Amino acid sequence: MFAKIYQPNPSAMTSGRAKTHFWVLEFVTKSPSIIDPLTGNTRSVDPRSQVELKFDTQEDAISYAKANNIPHRVIDKRETKRIRRSYADNFSYDRKLPWTH
């Protein structure tokens, strides 16, 4: 039973950073998931693959793993560089692709 501790990335569909300030302890499964041929649903033999524990800080997640004798690995999050642009940049003349309707 091995666990990884990480901070989740925001969804690609949103630009906000809400609900990404927590840390997740997730168990790594050794068995691959099985795809049901009739419905296409996936299932796993290991029930721990569905367990995802959320913590406020990285230290809380590490102390939980140590208290329960869970071997773990911490995955550091790389900060993404945000490019600030104004709305007017969408209509500038020096765009790579012209703006049309």
PDB file of N, CA and C in Angstrom:
ATOM      1  N   MET A   1       0.855  -1.177   0.000  1.00  0.00           N
ATOM      2  CA  MET A   1       0.000   0.000   0.000  1.00  0.00           C
ATOM      3  C   MET A   1       0.896   1.233   0.000  1.00  0.00           C
ATOM      4  N   PHE A   2       0.994   1.888  -1.117  1.00  0.00           N
ATOM      5  CA  PHE A   2       1.829   3.067  -1.295  1.00  0.00           C
ATOM      6  C   PHE A   2       0.921   4.249  -1.607  1.00  0.00           C
ATOM      7  N   ALA A   3       1.277   5.423  -1.100  1.00  0.00           N
ATOM      8  CA  ALA A   3       0.438   6.603  -1.313  1.00  0.00           C
ATOM      9  C   ALA A   3       1.270   7.738  -1.886  1.00  0.00           C
ATOM     10  N   LYS A   4       0.595   8.593  -2.633  1.00  0.00           N
ATOM     11  CA  LYS A   4       1.246   9.809  -3.103  1.00  0.00           C
ATOM     12  C   LYS A   4       0.492  11.007  -2.543  1.00  0.00           C
ATOM     13  N   ILE A   5       1.248  12.020  -2.174  1.00  0.00           N
ATOM     14  CA  ILE A   5       0.690  13.241  -1.603  1.00  0.00           C
ATOM     15  C   ILE A   5       0.993  14.364  -2.586  1.00  0.00           C
ATOM     16  N   TYR A   6      -0.048  15.059  -3.018  1.00  0.00           N
ATOM     17  CA  TYR A   6       0.140  16.109  -4.015  1.00  0.00           C
ATOM     18  C   TYR A   6      -0.923  17.177  -3.861  1.00  0.00           C
ATOM     19  N   GLN A   7      -0.687  18.293  -4.527  1.00  0.00           N
ATOM     20  CA  GLN A   7      -1.657  19.377  -4.578  1.00  0.00           C
ATOM     21  C   GLN A   7      -2.259  19.364  -5.975  1.00  0.00           C
ATOM     22  N   PRO A   8      -3.584  19.231  -6.111  1.00  0.00           N
ATOM     23  CA  PRO A   8      -4.180  19.058  -7.441  1.00  0.00           C
ATOM     24  C   PRO A   8      -4.079  20.317  -8.295  1.00  0.00           C
ATOM     25  N   ASN A   9      -4.035  20.095  -9.594  1.00  0.00           N
ATOM     26  CA  ASN A   9      -4.026  21.197 -10.553  1.00  0.00           C
ATOM     27  C   ASN A   9      -5.452  21.674 -10.783  1.00  0.00           C
ATOM     28  N   PRO A  10      -5.624  22.948 -11.137  1.00  0.00           N
ATOM     29  CA  PRO A  10      -6.972  23.403 -11.467  1.00  0.00           C
ATOM     30  C   PRO A  10      -7.438  22.769 -12.767  1.00  0.00           C
ATOM     31  N   SER A  11      -8.718  22.756 -12.962  1.00  0.00           N
ATOM     32  CA  SER A  11      -9.284  22.185 -14.175  1.00  0.00           C
ATOM     33  C   SER A  11      -8.844  22.990 -15.395  1.00  0.00           C
ATOM     34  N   ALA A  12      -8.659  22.325 -16.500  1.00  0.00           N
ATOM     35  CA  ALA A  12      -8.265  23.017 -17.730  1.00  0.00           C
ATOM     36  C   ALA A  12      -9.403  23.859 -18.284  1.00  0.00           C
ATOM     37  N   MET A  13     -10.611  23.610 -17.834  1.00  0.00           N
ATOM     38  CA  MET A  13     -11.769  24.344 -18.345  1.00  0.00           C
ATOM     39  C   MET A  13     -11.991  25.670 -17.622  1.00  0.00           C
ATOM     40  N   THR A  14     -11.248  25.923 -16.552  1.00  0.00           N
ATOM     41  CA  THR A  14     -11.433  27.157 -15.797  1.00  0.00           C
ATOM     42  C   THR A  14     -10.104  27.878 -15.648  1.00  0.00           C
ATOM     43  N   SER A  15     -10.177  29.171 -15.415  1.00  0.00           N
ATOM     44  CA  SER A  15      -8.961  29.942 -15.190  1.00  0.00           C
ATOM     45  C   SER A  15      -8.752  30.227 -13.711  1.00  0.00           C
ATOM     46  N   GLY A  16      -9.722  29.893 -12.884  1.00  0.00           N
ATOM     47  CA  GLY A  16      -9.623  30.168 -11.467  1.00  0.00           C
ATOM     48  C   GLY A  16      -8.763  29.162 -10.734  1.00  0.00           C
ATOM     49  N   ARG A  17      -8.391  29.522  -9.517  1.00  0.00           N
ATOM     50  CA  ARG A  17      -7.558  28.640  -8.707  1.00  0.00           C
ATOM     51  C   ARG A  17      -8.269  28.186  -7.431  1.00  0.00           C
ATOM     52  N   ALA A  18      -9.573  28.310  -7.405  1.00  0.00           N
ATOM     53  CA  ALA A  18     -10.330  27.890  -6.233  1.00  0.00           C
ATOM     54  C   ALA A  18     -10.281  26.375  -6.102  1.00  0.00           C
ATOM     55  N   LYS A  19     -10.375  25.910  -4.913  1.00  0.00           N
ATOM     56  CA  LYS A  19     -10.396  24.484  -4.583  1.00  0.00           C
ATOM     57  C   LYS A  19      -9.118  23.757  -5.004  1.00  0.00           C
ATOM     58  N   THR A  20      -7.995  24.466  -5.022  1.00  0.00           N
ATOM     59  CA  THR A  20      -6.712  23.828  -5.312  1.00  0.00           C
ATOM     60  C   THR A  20      -5.704  24.100  -4.206  1.00  0.00           C
ATOM     61  N   HIS A  21      -6.150  24.637  -3.084  1.00  0.00           N
ATOM     62  CA  HIS A  21      -5.233  24.988  -2.012  1.00  0.00           C
ATOM     63  C   HIS A  21      -5.126  23.892  -0.961  1.00  0.00           C
ATOM     64  N   PHE A  22      -5.653  22.736  -1.229  1.00  0.00           N
ATOM     65  CA  PHE A  22      -5.565  21.624  -0.288  1.00  0.00           C
ATOM     66  C   PHE A  22      -4.600  20.576  -0.831  1.00  0.00           C
ATOM     67  N   TRP A  23      -4.255  19.611   0.019  1.00  0.00           N
ATOM     68  CA  TRP A  23      -3.352  18.525  -0.354  1.00  0.00           C
ATOM     69  C   TRP A  23      -4.124  17.220  -0.346  1.00  0.00           C
ATOM     70  N   VAL A  24      -3.799  16.325  -1.255  1.00  0.00           N
ATOM     71  CA  VAL A  24      -4.512  15.064  -1.430  1.00  0.00           C
ATOM     72  C   VAL A  24      -3.568  13.907  -1.156  1.00  0.00           C
ATOM     73  N   LEU A  25      -4.023  12.945  -0.361  1.00  0.00           N
ATOM     74  CA  LEU A  25      -3.322  11.683  -0.172  1.00  0.00           C
ATOM     75  C   LEU A  25      -4.115  10.636  -0.937  1.00  0.00           C
ATOM     76  N   GLU A  26      -3.473  10.044  -1.936  1.00  0.00           N
ATOM     77  CA  GLU A  26      -4.147   9.101  -2.821  1.00  0.00           C
ATOM     78  C   GLU A  26      -3.319   7.822  -2.889  1.00  0.00           C
ATOM     79  N   PHE A  27      -3.980   6.692  -2.790  1.00  0.00           N
ATOM     80  CA  PHE A  27      -3.286   5.409  -2.832  1.00  0.00           C
ATOM     81  C   PHE A  27      -3.003   5.010  -4.275  1.00  0.00           C
ATOM     82  N   VAL A  28      -1.812   4.505  -4.502  1.00  0.00           N
ATOM     83  CA  VAL A  28      -1.407   4.053  -5.829  1.00  0.00           C
ATOM     84  C   VAL A  28      -1.752   2.576  -5.938  1.00  0.00           C
ATOM     85  N   THR A  29      -2.477   2.213  -6.981  1.00  0.00           N
ATOM     86  CA  THR A  29      -2.884   0.817  -7.153  1.00  0.00           C
ATOM     87  C   THR A  29      -1.872   0.081  -8.010  1.00  0.00           C
ATOM     88  N   LYS A  30      -1.693  -1.180  -7.693  1.00  0.00           N
ATOM     89  CA  LYS A  30      -0.780  -2.019  -8.464  1.00  0.00           C
ATOM     90  C   LYS A  30      -1.522  -2.764  -9.564  1.00  0.00           C
ATOM     91  N   SER A  31      -2.797  -3.022  -9.333  1.00  0.00           N
ATOM     92  CA  SER A  31      -3.563  -3.770 -10.328  1.00  0.00           C
ATOM     93  C   SER A  31      -4.199  -2.801 -11.327  1.00  0.00           C
ATOM     94  N   PRO A  32      -4.205  -3.142 -12.596  1.00  0.00           N
ATOM     95  CA  PRO A  32      -4.826  -2.251 -13.585  1.00  0.00           C
ATOM     96  C   PRO A  32      -6.346  -2.293 -13.477  1.00  0.00           C
ATOM     97  N   SER A  33      -6.977  -1.246 -13.958  1.00  0.00           N
ATOM     98  CA  SER A  33      -8.436  -1.228 -13.942  1.00  0.00           C
ATOM     99  C   SER A  33      -8.968  -2.136 -15.047  1.00  0.00           C
ATOM    100  N   ILE A  34     -10.140  -2.703 -14.806  1.00  0.00           N
ATOM    101  CA  ILE A  34     -10.763  -3.641 -15.733  1.00  0.00           C
ATOM    102  C   ILE A  34     -11.925  -2.919 -16.408  1.00  0.00           C
ATOM    103  N   ILE A  35     -11.995  -3.004 -17.716  1.00  0.00           N
ATOM    104  CA  ILE A  35     -13.074  -2.361 -18.470  1.00  0.00           C
ATOM    105  C   ILE A  35     -14.150  -3.397 -18.765  1.00  0.00           C
ATOM    106  N   ASP A  36     -15.377  -3.086 -18.361  1.00  0.00           N
ATOM    107  CA  ASP A  36     -16.501  -3.973 -18.624  1.00  0.00           C
ATOM    108  C   ASP A  36     -16.828  -3.913 -20.115  1.00  0.00           C
ATOM    109  N   PRO A  37     -16.829  -5.053 -20.819  1.00  0.00           N
ATOM    110  CA  PRO A  37     -17.056  -5.011 -22.263  1.00  0.00           C
ATOM    111  C   PRO A  37     -18.474  -4.601 -22.652  1.00  0.00           C
ATOM    112  N   LEU A  38     -19.446  -4.818 -21.780  1.00  0.00           N
ATOM    113  CA  LEU A  38     -20.824  -4.507 -22.126  1.00  0.00           C
ATOM    114  C   LEU A  38     -21.138  -3.021 -21.952  1.00  0.00           C
ATOM    115  N   THR A  39     -20.784  -2.472 -20.787  1.00  0.00           N
ATOM    116  CA  THR A  39     -21.143  -1.088 -20.496  1.00  0.00           C
ATOM    117  C   THR A  39     -19.995  -0.107 -20.689  1.00  0.00           C
ATOM    118  N   GLY A  40     -18.763  -0.585 -20.678  1.00  0.00           N
ATOM    119  CA  GLY A  40     -17.615   0.300 -20.814  1.00  0.00           C
ATOM    120  C   GLY A  40     -17.181   0.924 -19.504  1.00  0.00           C
ATOM    121  N   ASN A  41     -17.823   0.552 -18.392  1.00  0.00           N
ATOM    122  CA  ASN A  41     -17.434   1.075 -17.093  1.00  0.00           C
ATOM    123  C   ASN A  41     -16.117   0.452 -16.660  1.00  0.00           C
ATOM    124  N   THR A  42     -15.354   1.207 -15.888  1.00  0.00           N
ATOM    125  CA  THR A  42     -14.102   0.672 -15.366  1.00  0.00           C
ATOM    126  C   THR A  42     -14.301   0.285 -13.914  1.00  0.00           C
ATOM    127  N   ARG A  43     -13.604  -0.750 -13.522  1.00  0.00           N
ATOM    128  CA  ARG A  43     -13.650  -1.188 -12.131  1.00  0.00           C
ATOM    129  C   ARG A  43     -12.260  -1.644 -11.749  1.00  0.00           C
ATOM    130  N   SER A  44     -12.047  -1.756 -10.456  1.00  0.00           N
ATOM    131  CA  SER A  44     -10.746  -2.157  -9.960  1.00  0.00           C
ATOM    132  C   SER A  44     -10.927  -3.207  -8.883  1.00  0.00           C
ATOM    133  N   VAL A  45      -9.947  -4.063  -8.767  1.00  0.00           N
ATOM    134  CA  VAL A  45      -9.985  -5.096  -7.741  1.00  0.00           C
ATOM    135  C   VAL A  45      -9.647  -4.490  -6.382  1.00  0.00           C
ATOM    136  N   ASP A  46      -8.841  -3.445  -6.385  1.00  0.00           N
ATOM    137  CA  ASP A  46      -8.381  -2.810  -5.156  1.00  0.00           C
ATOM    138  C   ASP A  46      -9.342  -1.686  -4.759  1.00  0.00           C
ATOM    139  N   PRO A  47     -10.037  -1.787  -3.621  1.00  0.00           N
ATOM    140  CA  PRO A  47     -10.972  -0.724  -3.227  1.00  0.00           C
ATOM    141  C   PRO A  47     -10.272   0.562  -2.791  1.00  0.00           C
ATOM    142  N   ARG A  48      -8.972   0.489  -2.491  1.00  0.00           N
ATOM    143  CA  ARG A  48      -8.253   1.698  -2.082  1.00  0.00           C
ATOM    144  C   ARG A  48      -8.031   2.651  -3.246  1.00  0.00           C
ATOM    145  N   SER A  49      -8.258   2.187  -4.458  1.00  0.00           N
ATOM    146  CA  SER A  49      -8.067   3.073  -5.609  1.00  0.00           C
ATOM    147  C   SER A  49      -9.105   4.193  -5.633  1.00  0.00           C
ATOM    148  N   GLN A  50     -10.193   4.033  -4.899  1.00  0.00           N
ATOM    149  CA  GLN A  50     -11.242   5.046  -4.864  1.00  0.00           C
ATOM    150  C   GLN A  50     -11.104   5.992  -3.680  1.00  0.00           C
ATOM    151  N   VAL A  51     -10.146   5.727  -2.786  1.00  0.00           N
ATOM    152  CA  VAL A  51      -9.979   6.544  -1.590  1.00  0.00           C
ATOM    153  C   VAL A  51      -9.088   7.739  -1.909  1.00  0.00           C
ATOM    154  N   GLU A  52      -9.571   8.925  -1.553  1.00  0.00           N
ATOM    155  CA  GLU A  52      -8.819  10.156  -1.756  1.00  0.00           C
ATOM    156  C   GLU A  52      -9.045  11.023  -0.523  1.00  0.00           C
ATOM    157  N   LEU A  53      -8.013  11.192   0.286  1.00  0.00           N
ATOM    158  CA  LEU A  53      -8.115  11.971   1.515  1.00  0.00           C
ATOM    159  C   LEU A  53      -7.585  13.375   1.270  1.00  0.00           C
ATOM    160  N   LYS A  54      -8.320  14.390   1.734  1.00  0.00           N
ATOM    161  CA  LYS A  54      -7.926  15.780   1.528  1.00  0.00           C
ATOM    162  C   LYS A  54      -7.496  16.389   2.857  1.00  0.00           C
ATOM    163  N   PHE A  55      -6.414  17.171   2.815  1.00  0.00           N
ATOM    164  CA  PHE A  55      -5.861  17.821   3.994  1.00  0.00           C
ATOM    165  C   PHE A  55      -5.626  19.290   3.686  1.00  0.00           C
ATOM    166  N   ASP A  56      -5.638  20.108   4.738  1.00  0.00           N
ATOM    167  CA  ASP A  56      -5.429  21.542   4.559  1.00  0.00           C
ATOM    168  C   ASP A  56      -3.975  21.878   4.243  1.00  0.00           C
ATOM    169  N   THR A  57      -3.037  21.147   4.851  1.00  0.00           N
ATOM    170  CA  THR A  57      -1.623  21.432   4.634  1.00  0.00           C
ATOM    171  C   THR A  57      -0.876  20.157   4.272  1.00  0.00           C
ATOM    172  N   GLN A  58       0.301  20.346   3.730  1.00  0.00           N
ATOM    173  CA  GLN A  58       1.152  19.215   3.366  1.00  0.00           C
ATOM    174  C   GLN A  58       1.620  18.483   4.624  1.00  0.00           C
ATOM    175  N   GLU A  59       1.893  19.225   5.678  1.00  0.00           N
ATOM    176  CA  GLU A  59       2.363  18.620   6.921  1.00  0.00           C
ATOM    177  C   GLU A  59       1.298  17.718   7.537  1.00  0.00           C
ATOM    178  N   ASP A  60       0.025  18.105   7.429  1.00  0.00           N
ATOM    179  CA  ASP A  60      -1.058  17.261   7.944  1.00  0.00           C
ATOM    180  C   ASP A  60      -1.123  15.937   7.193  1.00  0.00           C
ATOM    181  N   ALA A  61      -0.961  15.982   5.890  1.00  0.00           N
ATOM    182  CA  ALA A  61      -1.009  14.758   5.087  1.00  0.00           C
ATOM    183  C   ALA A  61       0.168  13.848   5.405  1.00  0.00           C
ATOM    184  N   ILE A  62       1.354  14.425   5.571  1.00  0.00           N
ATOM    185  CA  ILE A  62       2.537  13.621   5.887  1.00  0.00           C
ATOM    186  C   ILE A  62       2.419  13.018   7.275  1.00  0.00           C
ATOM    187  N   SER A  63       1.928  13.789   8.238  1.00  0.00           N
ATOM    188  CA  SER A  63       1.792  13.253   9.595  1.00  0.00           C
ATOM    189  C   SER A  63       0.735  12.154   9.654  1.00  0.00           C
ATOM    190  N   TYR A  64      -0.328  12.258   8.851  1.00  0.00           N
ATOM    191  CA  TYR A  64      -1.330  11.192   8.794  1.00  0.00           C
ATOM    192  C   TYR A  64      -0.721   9.915   8.230  1.00  0.00           C
ATOM    193  N   ALA A  65       0.072  10.060   7.168  1.00  0.00           N
ATOM    194  CA  ALA A  65       0.701   8.887   6.557  1.00  0.00           C
ATOM    195  C   ALA A  65       1.688   8.233   7.517  1.00  0.00           C
ATOM    196  N   LYS A  66       2.441   9.041   8.244  1.00  0.00           N
ATOM    197  CA  LYS A  66       3.404   8.478   9.201  1.00  0.00           C
ATOM    198  C   LYS A  66       2.699   7.838  10.389  1.00  0.00           C
ATOM    199  N   ALA A  67       1.605   8.433  10.849  1.00  0.00           N
ATOM    200  CA  ALA A  67       0.877   7.885  11.997  1.00  0.00           C
ATOM    201  C   ALA A  67       0.233   6.545  11.671  1.00  0.00           C
ATOM    202  N   ASN A  68      -0.142   6.340  10.403  1.00  0.00           N
ATOM    203  CA  ASN A  68      -0.785   5.092   9.996  1.00  0.00           C
ATOM    204  C   ASN A  68       0.164   4.150   9.258  1.00  0.00           C
ATOM    205  N   ASN A  69       1.470   4.428   9.325  1.00  0.00           N
ATOM    206  CA  ASN A  69       2.507   3.588   8.703  1.00  0.00           C
ATOM    207  C   ASN A  69       2.250   3.361   7.215  1.00  0.00           C
ATOM    208  N   ILE A  70       1.923   4.416   6.509  1.00  0.00           N
ATOM    209  CA  ILE A  70       1.686   4.348   5.069  1.00  0.00           C
ATOM    210  C   ILE A  70       2.927   4.890   4.366  1.00  0.00           C
ATOM    211  N   PRO A  71       3.609   4.076   3.569  1.00  0.00           N
ATOM    212  CA  PRO A  71       4.732   4.630   2.797  1.00  0.00           C
ATOM    213  C   PRO A  71       4.194   5.620   1.766  1.00  0.00           C
ATOM    214  N   HIS A  72       4.858   6.747   1.661  1.00  0.00           N
ATOM    215  CA  HIS A  72       4.325   7.812   0.814  1.00  0.00           C
ATOM    216  C   HIS A  72       5.435   8.535   0.064  1.00  0.00           C
ATOM    217  N   ARG A  73       5.021   9.273  -0.955  1.00  0.00           N
ATOM    218  CA  ARG A  73       5.921  10.125  -1.727  1.00  0.00           C
ATOM    219  C   ARG A  73       5.207  11.454  -1.934  1.00  0.00           C
ATOM    220  N   VAL A  74       5.924  12.540  -1.709  1.00  0.00           N
ATOM    221  CA  VAL A  74       5.356  13.875  -1.882  1.00  0.00           C
ATOM    222  C   VAL A  74       5.748  14.385  -3.265  1.00  0.00           C
ATOM    223  N   ILE A  75       4.760  14.794  -4.027  1.00  0.00           N
ATOM    224  CA  ILE A  75       4.986  15.339  -5.366  1.00  0.00           C
ATOM    225  C   ILE A  75       4.807  16.847  -5.271  1.00  0.00           C
ATOM    226  N   ASP A  76       5.891  17.579  -5.487  1.00  0.00           N
ATOM    227  CA  ASP A  76       5.842  19.033  -5.411  1.00  0.00           C
ATOM    228  C   ASP A  76       5.136  19.598  -6.633  1.00  0.00           C
ATOM    229  N   LYS A  77       4.403  20.664  -6.396  1.00  0.00           N
ATOM    230  CA  LYS A  77       3.650  21.295  -7.477  1.00  0.00           C
ATOM    231  C   LYS A  77       4.503  22.388  -8.108  1.00  0.00           C
ATOM    232  N   ARG A  78       4.568  22.370  -9.422  1.00  0.00           N
ATOM    233  CA  ARG A  78       5.258  23.436 -10.135  1.00  0.00           C
ATOM    234  C   ARG A  78       4.274  24.576 -10.351  1.00  0.00           C
ATOM    235  N   GLU A  79       4.689  25.760  -9.982  1.00  0.00           N
ATOM    236  CA  GLU A  79       3.825  26.923 -10.169  1.00  0.00           C
ATOM    237  C   GLU A  79       3.812  27.307 -11.644  1.00  0.00           C
ATOM    238  N   THR A  80       2.634  27.534 -12.161  1.00  0.00           N
ATOM    239  CA  THR A  80       2.509  27.934 -13.553  1.00  0.00           C
ATOM    240  C   THR A  80       2.630  29.448 -13.659  1.00  0.00           C
ATOM    241  N   LYS A  81       3.301  29.882 -14.691  1.00  0.00           N
ATOM    242  CA  LYS A  81       3.476  31.306 -14.906  1.00  0.00           C
ATOM    243  C   LYS A  81       2.237  31.842 -15.611  1.00  0.00           C
ATOM    244  N   ARG A  82       1.588  32.798 -14.991  1.00  0.00           N
ATOM    245  CA  ARG A  82       0.378  33.372 -15.573  1.00  0.00           C
ATOM    246  C   ARG A  82       0.745  34.536 -16.476  1.00  0.00           C
ATOM    247  N   ILE A  83       0.200  34.523 -17.655  1.00  0.00           N
ATOM    248  CA  ILE A  83       0.413  35.613 -18.598  1.00  0.00           C
ATOM    249  C   ILE A  83      -0.803  36.532 -18.512  1.00  0.00           C
ATOM    250  N   ARG A  84      -0.569  37.735 -18.033  1.00  0.00           N
ATOM    251  CA  ARG A  84      -1.670  38.681 -17.891  1.00  0.00           C
ATOM    252  C   ARG A  84      -1.884  39.412 -19.213  1.00  0.00           C
ATOM    253  N   ARG A  85      -3.119  39.392 -19.668  1.00  0.00           N
ATOM    254  CA  ARG A  85      -3.489  40.085 -20.896  1.00  0.00           C
ATOM    255  C   ARG A  85      -4.793  40.823 -20.654  1.00  0.00           C
ATOM    256  N   SER A  86      -4.948  41.903 -21.346  1.00  0.00           N
ATOM    257  CA  SER A  86      -6.203  42.638 -21.228  1.00  0.00           C
ATOM    258  C   SER A  86      -7.178  42.146 -22.295  1.00  0.00           C
ATOM    259  N   TYR A  87      -8.420  42.482 -22.118  1.00  0.00           N
ATOM    260  CA  TYR A  87      -9.446  42.083 -23.078  1.00  0.00           C
ATOM    261  C   TYR A  87      -9.221  42.760 -24.429  1.00  0.00           C
ATOM    262  N   ALA A  88      -8.642  43.940 -24.415  1.00  0.00           N
ATOM    263  CA  ALA A  88      -8.398  44.678 -25.658  1.00  0.00           C
ATOM    264  C   ALA A  88      -7.373  43.976 -26.543  1.00  0.00           C
ATOM    265  N   ASP A  89      -6.528  43.131 -25.975  1.00  0.00           N
ATOM    266  CA  ASP A  89      -5.548  42.396 -26.783  1.00  0.00           C
ATOM    267  C   ASP A  89      -6.218  41.440 -27.765  1.00  0.00           C
ATOM    268  N   ASN A  90      -7.456  41.071 -27.519  1.00  0.00           N
ATOM    269  CA  ASN A  90      -8.168  40.200 -28.453  1.00  0.00           C
ATOM    270  C   ASN A  90      -8.457  40.895 -29.782  1.00  0.00           C
ATOM    271  N   PHE A  91      -8.479  42.226 -29.775  1.00  0.00           N
ATOM    272  CA  PHE A  91      -8.856  42.984 -30.961  1.00  0.00           C
ATOM    273  C   PHE A  91      -7.700  43.815 -31.524  1.00  0.00           C
ATOM    274  N   SER A  92      -6.485  43.563 -31.108  1.00  0.00           N
ATOM    275  CA  SER A  92      -5.354  44.364 -31.580  1.00  0.00           C
ATOM    276  C   SER A  92      -5.009  44.019 -33.027  1.00  0.00           C
ATOM    277  N   TYR A  93      -4.377  44.959 -33.707  1.00  0.00           N
ATOM    278  CA  TYR A  93      -4.039  44.773 -35.121  1.00  0.00           C
ATOM    279  C   TYR A  93      -2.853  43.833 -35.316  1.00  0.00           C
ATOM    280  N   ASP A  94      -2.000  43.695 -34.327  1.00  0.00           N
ATOM    281  CA  ASP A  94      -0.813  42.856 -34.489  1.00  0.00           C
ATOM    282  C   ASP A  94      -1.019  41.443 -33.940  1.00  0.00           C
ATOM    283  N   ARG A  95      -2.247  40.965 -34.005  1.00  0.00           N
ATOM    284  CA  ARG A  95      -2.525  39.577 -33.616  1.00  0.00           C
ATOM    285  C   ARG A  95      -1.963  38.625 -34.650  1.00  0.00           C
ATOM    286  N   LYS A  96      -1.648  37.399 -34.229  1.00  0.00           N
ATOM    287  CA  LYS A  96      -1.151  36.395 -35.172  1.00  0.00           C
ATOM    288  C   LYS A  96      -2.261  35.949 -36.120  1.00  0.00           C
ATOM    289  N   LEU A  97      -3.453  35.801 -35.600  1.00  0.00           N
ATOM    290  CA  LEU A  97      -4.603  35.434 -36.422  1.00  0.00           C
ATOM    291  C   LEU A  97      -5.609  36.575 -36.369  1.00  0.00           C
ATOM    292  N   PRO A  98      -6.191  36.970 -37.485  1.00  0.00           N
ATOM    293  CA  PRO A  98      -7.140  38.089 -37.466  1.00  0.00           C
ATOM    294  C   PRO A  98      -8.424  37.718 -36.733  1.00  0.00           C
ATOM    295  N   TRP A  99      -9.020  38.716 -36.124  1.00  0.00           N
ATOM    296  CA  TRP A  99     -10.267  38.508 -35.397  1.00  0.00           C
ATOM    297  C   TRP A  99     -11.416  38.813 -36.342  1.00  0.00           C
ATOM    298  N   THR A 100     -12.264  37.836 -36.583  1.00  0.00           N
ATOM    299  CA  THR A 100     -13.428  38.044 -37.441  1.00  0.00           C
ATOM    300  C   THR A 100     -14.608  37.285 -36.873  1.00  0.00           C
ATOM    301  N   HIS A 101     -15.778  37.633 -37.366  1.00  0.00           N
ATOM    302  CA  HIS A 101     -16.985  36.877 -37.010  1.00  0.00           C
ATOM    303  C   HIS A 101     -17.439  36.102 -38.192  1.00  0.00           C
TER     304      HIS A 101
END
